[in-house]
Amino acid sequence: MAVGTRPVNEVSKAVSLTISLDTGKLDQNGNPVINRARISGIKENAAFEDLYDVAYLYASLTSKSIVDIAVGVNSGIGPID
């Protein structure tokens, strides 16, 4: 049941790129230690191929290898009554 009196719409959208990198180290349980880098402020219409290229350019600045690349989209909704 809606509480507000006005229709709810998407009022903002934030896109981010998260790059997971293997440090080459293991924790006390023998699991790989993963570092994550998040890049915020990505344009909504950025192509996945471009984001992939950015992730590999970022990784090339380190000695770590990429484990995962994720694109996150957070939508703000409103109005707030």
N, C-alpha and C. Protein backbone atom coordinates (compact mmCIF):
# COMPACT_ATOMS: atom_id res chain seq x y z
N MET A 1 0.85 -1.18 0.00
CA MET A 1 0.00 0.00 0.00
C MET A 1 0.89 1.24 0.00
N ALA A 2 0.65 2.13 -0.93
CA ALA A 2 1.42 3.36 -1.02
C ALA A 2 1.00 4.33 0.07
N VAL A 3 1.99 4.97 0.68
CA VAL A 3 1.70 5.93 1.74
C VAL A 3 1.64 7.35 1.20
N GLY A 4 2.50 7.67 0.22
CA GLY A 4 2.53 9.01 -0.35
C GLY A 4 1.29 9.29 -1.19
N THR A 5 1.11 10.56 -1.49
CA THR A 5 -0.06 10.95 -2.27
C THR A 5 0.25 11.19 -3.74
N ARG A 6 1.53 11.21 -4.09
CA ARG A 6 1.93 11.46 -5.48
C ARG A 6 2.56 10.21 -6.08
N PRO A 7 2.57 10.10 -7.41
CA PRO A 7 3.22 8.95 -8.06
C PRO A 7 4.72 8.93 -7.75
N VAL A 8 5.27 7.76 -7.64
CA VAL A 8 6.70 7.60 -7.38
C VAL A 8 7.42 7.37 -8.69
N ASN A 9 8.50 8.12 -8.89
CA ASN A 9 9.30 8.03 -10.11
C ASN A 9 10.77 7.92 -9.74
N GLU A 10 11.56 7.49 -10.70
CA GLU A 10 13.01 7.52 -10.53
C GLU A 10 13.44 8.98 -10.66
N VAL A 11 14.15 9.49 -9.65
CA VAL A 11 14.56 10.89 -9.68
C VAL A 11 16.07 11.05 -9.89
N SER A 12 16.82 9.98 -9.66
CA SER A 12 18.25 10.04 -9.90
C SER A 12 18.77 8.63 -10.15
N LYS A 13 19.90 8.57 -10.82
CA LYS A 13 20.53 7.28 -11.08
C LYS A 13 22.03 7.45 -10.93
N ALA A 14 22.68 6.55 -10.19
CA ALA A 14 24.13 6.58 -10.01
C ALA A 14 24.71 5.26 -10.47
N VAL A 15 25.70 5.34 -11.35
CA VAL A 15 26.34 4.14 -11.88
C VAL A 15 27.77 4.08 -11.35
N SER A 16 28.18 2.89 -10.94
CA SER A 16 29.55 2.71 -10.45
C SER A 16 30.15 1.44 -11.05
N LEU A 17 31.47 1.40 -11.08
CA LEU A 17 32.22 0.25 -11.58
C LEU A 17 33.05 -0.29 -10.43
N THR A 18 32.90 -1.57 -10.11
CA THR A 18 33.69 -2.20 -9.06
C THR A 18 34.61 -3.23 -9.68
N ILE A 19 35.89 -3.09 -9.37
CA ILE A 19 36.92 -3.99 -9.91
C ILE A 19 37.49 -4.78 -8.74
N SER A 20 37.37 -6.11 -8.79
CA SER A 20 37.92 -6.98 -7.75
C SER A 20 39.26 -7.51 -8.23
N LEU A 21 40.29 -7.35 -7.38
CA LEU A 21 41.65 -7.71 -7.75
C LEU A 21 42.22 -8.73 -6.78
N ASP A 22 42.86 -9.75 -7.31
CA ASP A 22 43.53 -10.77 -6.50
C ASP A 22 44.89 -10.23 -6.09
N THR A 23 45.15 -10.18 -4.78
CA THR A 23 46.41 -9.65 -4.28
C THR A 23 47.55 -10.65 -4.39
N GLY A 24 47.22 -11.91 -4.62
CA GLY A 24 48.25 -12.94 -4.65
C GLY A 24 48.58 -13.48 -3.27
N LYS A 25 47.84 -13.01 -2.26
CA LYS A 25 48.06 -13.45 -0.88
C LYS A 25 46.88 -14.30 -0.43
N LEU A 26 47.11 -15.07 0.62
CA LEU A 26 46.05 -15.89 1.21
C LEU A 26 45.81 -15.44 2.64
N ASP A 27 44.55 -15.54 3.09
CA ASP A 27 44.24 -15.22 4.49
C ASP A 27 44.57 -16.43 5.36
N GLN A 28 44.28 -16.34 6.66
CA GLN A 28 44.62 -17.41 7.60
C GLN A 28 43.88 -18.70 7.31
N ASN A 29 42.79 -18.65 6.54
CA ASN A 29 42.04 -19.85 6.17
C ASN A 29 42.43 -20.40 4.80
N GLY A 30 43.39 -19.77 4.17
CA GLY A 30 43.83 -20.24 2.86
C GLY A 30 43.04 -19.68 1.69
N ASN A 31 42.17 -18.71 1.95
CA ASN A 31 41.37 -18.10 0.88
C ASN A 31 42.12 -16.91 0.30
N PRO A 32 41.96 -16.67 -1.00
CA PRO A 32 42.65 -15.53 -1.59
C PRO A 32 42.15 -14.20 -1.02
N VAL A 33 43.08 -13.27 -0.85
CA VAL A 33 42.74 -11.93 -0.39
C VAL A 33 42.41 -11.09 -1.63
N ILE A 34 41.19 -10.54 -1.63
CA ILE A 34 40.71 -9.76 -2.77
C ILE A 34 40.58 -8.29 -2.35
N ASN A 35 41.12 -7.40 -3.16
CA ASN A 35 40.92 -5.96 -2.97
C ASN A 35 39.90 -5.50 -3.99
N ARG A 36 39.08 -4.54 -3.59
CA ARG A 36 38.09 -3.99 -4.50
C ARG A 36 38.31 -2.49 -4.66
N ALA A 37 38.19 -2.05 -5.89
CA ALA A 37 38.27 -0.62 -6.20
C ALA A 37 36.95 -0.23 -6.84
N ARG A 38 36.35 0.85 -6.35
CA ARG A 38 35.09 1.32 -6.92
C ARG A 38 35.30 2.69 -7.54
N ILE A 39 34.82 2.80 -8.77
CA ILE A 39 34.86 4.07 -9.49
C ILE A 39 33.42 4.54 -9.63
N SER A 40 33.13 5.70 -9.06
CA SER A 40 31.77 6.25 -9.09
C SER A 40 31.68 7.35 -10.13
N GLY A 41 30.46 7.76 -10.39
CA GLY A 41 30.24 8.87 -11.32
C GLY A 41 30.32 8.46 -12.78
N ILE A 42 30.08 7.18 -13.04
CA ILE A 42 30.09 6.69 -14.41
C ILE A 42 28.85 7.19 -15.13
N LYS A 43 28.99 7.61 -16.38
CA LYS A 43 27.84 8.06 -17.16
C LYS A 43 26.87 6.91 -17.38
N GLU A 44 25.58 7.22 -17.31
CA GLU A 44 24.51 6.22 -17.48
C GLU A 44 24.61 5.46 -18.78
N ASN A 45 25.03 6.13 -19.84
CA ASN A 45 25.04 5.52 -21.16
C ASN A 45 26.40 4.91 -21.54
N ALA A 46 27.28 4.71 -20.56
CA ALA A 46 28.59 4.12 -20.85
C ALA A 46 28.42 2.68 -21.34
N ALA A 47 29.12 2.34 -22.39
CA ALA A 47 29.04 0.99 -22.95
C ALA A 47 29.82 0.02 -22.07
N PHE A 48 29.32 -1.21 -21.97
CA PHE A 48 30.00 -2.23 -21.18
C PHE A 48 31.43 -2.45 -21.68
N GLU A 49 31.64 -2.38 -22.97
CA GLU A 49 32.97 -2.57 -23.53
C GLU A 49 33.93 -1.50 -23.02
N ASP A 50 33.44 -0.26 -22.90
CA ASP A 50 34.27 0.83 -22.40
C ASP A 50 34.59 0.62 -20.91
N LEU A 51 33.61 0.17 -20.14
CA LEU A 51 33.84 -0.08 -18.72
C LEU A 51 34.83 -1.22 -18.53
N TYR A 52 34.74 -2.23 -19.37
CA TYR A 52 35.68 -3.35 -19.35
C TYR A 52 37.09 -2.85 -19.62
N ASP A 53 37.22 -1.98 -20.62
CA ASP A 53 38.53 -1.41 -20.95
C ASP A 53 39.08 -0.59 -19.79
N VAL A 54 38.24 0.19 -19.14
CA VAL A 54 38.66 0.99 -17.98
C VAL A 54 39.16 0.08 -16.87
N ALA A 55 38.45 -1.01 -16.61
CA ALA A 55 38.86 -1.95 -15.56
C ALA A 55 40.26 -2.51 -15.85
N TYR A 56 40.50 -2.89 -17.08
CA TYR A 56 41.82 -3.45 -17.42
C TYR A 56 42.91 -2.40 -17.45
N LEU A 57 42.57 -1.17 -17.81
CA LEU A 57 43.55 -0.08 -17.71
C LEU A 57 43.92 0.16 -16.25
N TYR A 58 42.91 0.16 -15.37
CA TYR A 58 43.16 0.33 -13.94
C TYR A 58 44.06 -0.78 -13.42
N ALA A 59 43.73 -2.03 -13.76
CA ALA A 59 44.52 -3.17 -13.30
C ALA A 59 45.95 -3.12 -13.81
N SER A 60 46.15 -2.55 -14.99
CA SER A 60 47.50 -2.48 -15.56
C SER A 60 48.41 -1.57 -14.73
N LEU A 61 47.82 -0.73 -13.89
CA LEU A 61 48.60 0.15 -13.02
C LEU A 61 49.04 -0.55 -11.74
N THR A 62 48.59 -1.80 -11.55
CA THR A 62 48.93 -2.57 -10.36
C THR A 62 49.61 -3.86 -10.80
N SER A 63 50.06 -4.62 -9.82
CA SER A 63 50.62 -5.95 -10.11
C SER A 63 49.59 -7.04 -9.85
N LYS A 64 48.34 -6.64 -9.64
CA LYS A 64 47.26 -7.58 -9.30
C LYS A 64 46.49 -7.98 -10.55
N SER A 65 45.85 -9.14 -10.47
CA SER A 65 45.03 -9.58 -11.60
C SER A 65 43.55 -9.45 -11.27
N ILE A 66 42.75 -9.21 -12.30
CA ILE A 66 41.31 -9.02 -12.13
C ILE A 66 40.63 -10.35 -11.86
N VAL A 67 39.76 -10.34 -10.84
CA VAL A 67 38.95 -11.50 -10.50
C VAL A 67 37.52 -11.30 -10.98
N ASP A 68 37.04 -10.04 -10.89
CA ASP A 68 35.65 -9.76 -11.23
C ASP A 68 35.51 -8.28 -11.59
N ILE A 69 34.56 -8.00 -12.47
CA ILE A 69 34.20 -6.63 -12.83
C ILE A 69 32.68 -6.54 -12.69
N ALA A 70 32.20 -5.55 -11.94
CA ALA A 70 30.76 -5.41 -11.74
C ALA A 70 30.35 -3.96 -11.97
N VAL A 71 29.19 -3.81 -12.59
CA VAL A 71 28.59 -2.49 -12.78
C VAL A 71 27.38 -2.41 -11.87
N GLY A 72 27.33 -1.37 -11.03
CA GLY A 72 26.21 -1.19 -10.12
C GLY A 72 25.40 0.03 -10.52
N VAL A 73 24.09 -0.11 -10.43
CA VAL A 73 23.19 1.01 -10.72
C VAL A 73 22.29 1.20 -9.51
N ASN A 74 22.34 2.38 -8.93
CA ASN A 74 21.46 2.72 -7.81
C ASN A 74 20.51 3.81 -8.26
N SER A 75 19.24 3.58 -8.06
CA SER A 75 18.23 4.55 -8.47
C SER A 75 17.62 5.20 -7.24
N GLY A 76 17.56 6.52 -7.28
CA GLY A 76 16.83 7.26 -6.25
C GLY A 76 15.39 7.41 -6.72
N ILE A 77 14.45 7.22 -5.81
CA ILE A 77 13.04 7.37 -6.18
C ILE A 77 12.39 8.46 -5.33
N GLY A 78 11.36 9.03 -5.84
CA GLY A 78 10.69 10.09 -5.11
C GLY A 78 9.37 10.41 -5.76
N PRO A 79 8.63 11.32 -5.29
CA PRO A 79 9.00 12.34 -4.31
C PRO A 79 8.97 11.80 -2.87
N ILE A 80 9.64 12.52 -2.02
CA ILE A 80 9.63 12.21 -0.60
C ILE A 80 8.59 13.12 0.04
N ASP A 81 7.53 12.53 0.55
CA ASP A 81 6.45 13.32 1.20
C ASP A 81 6.75 13.50 2.67
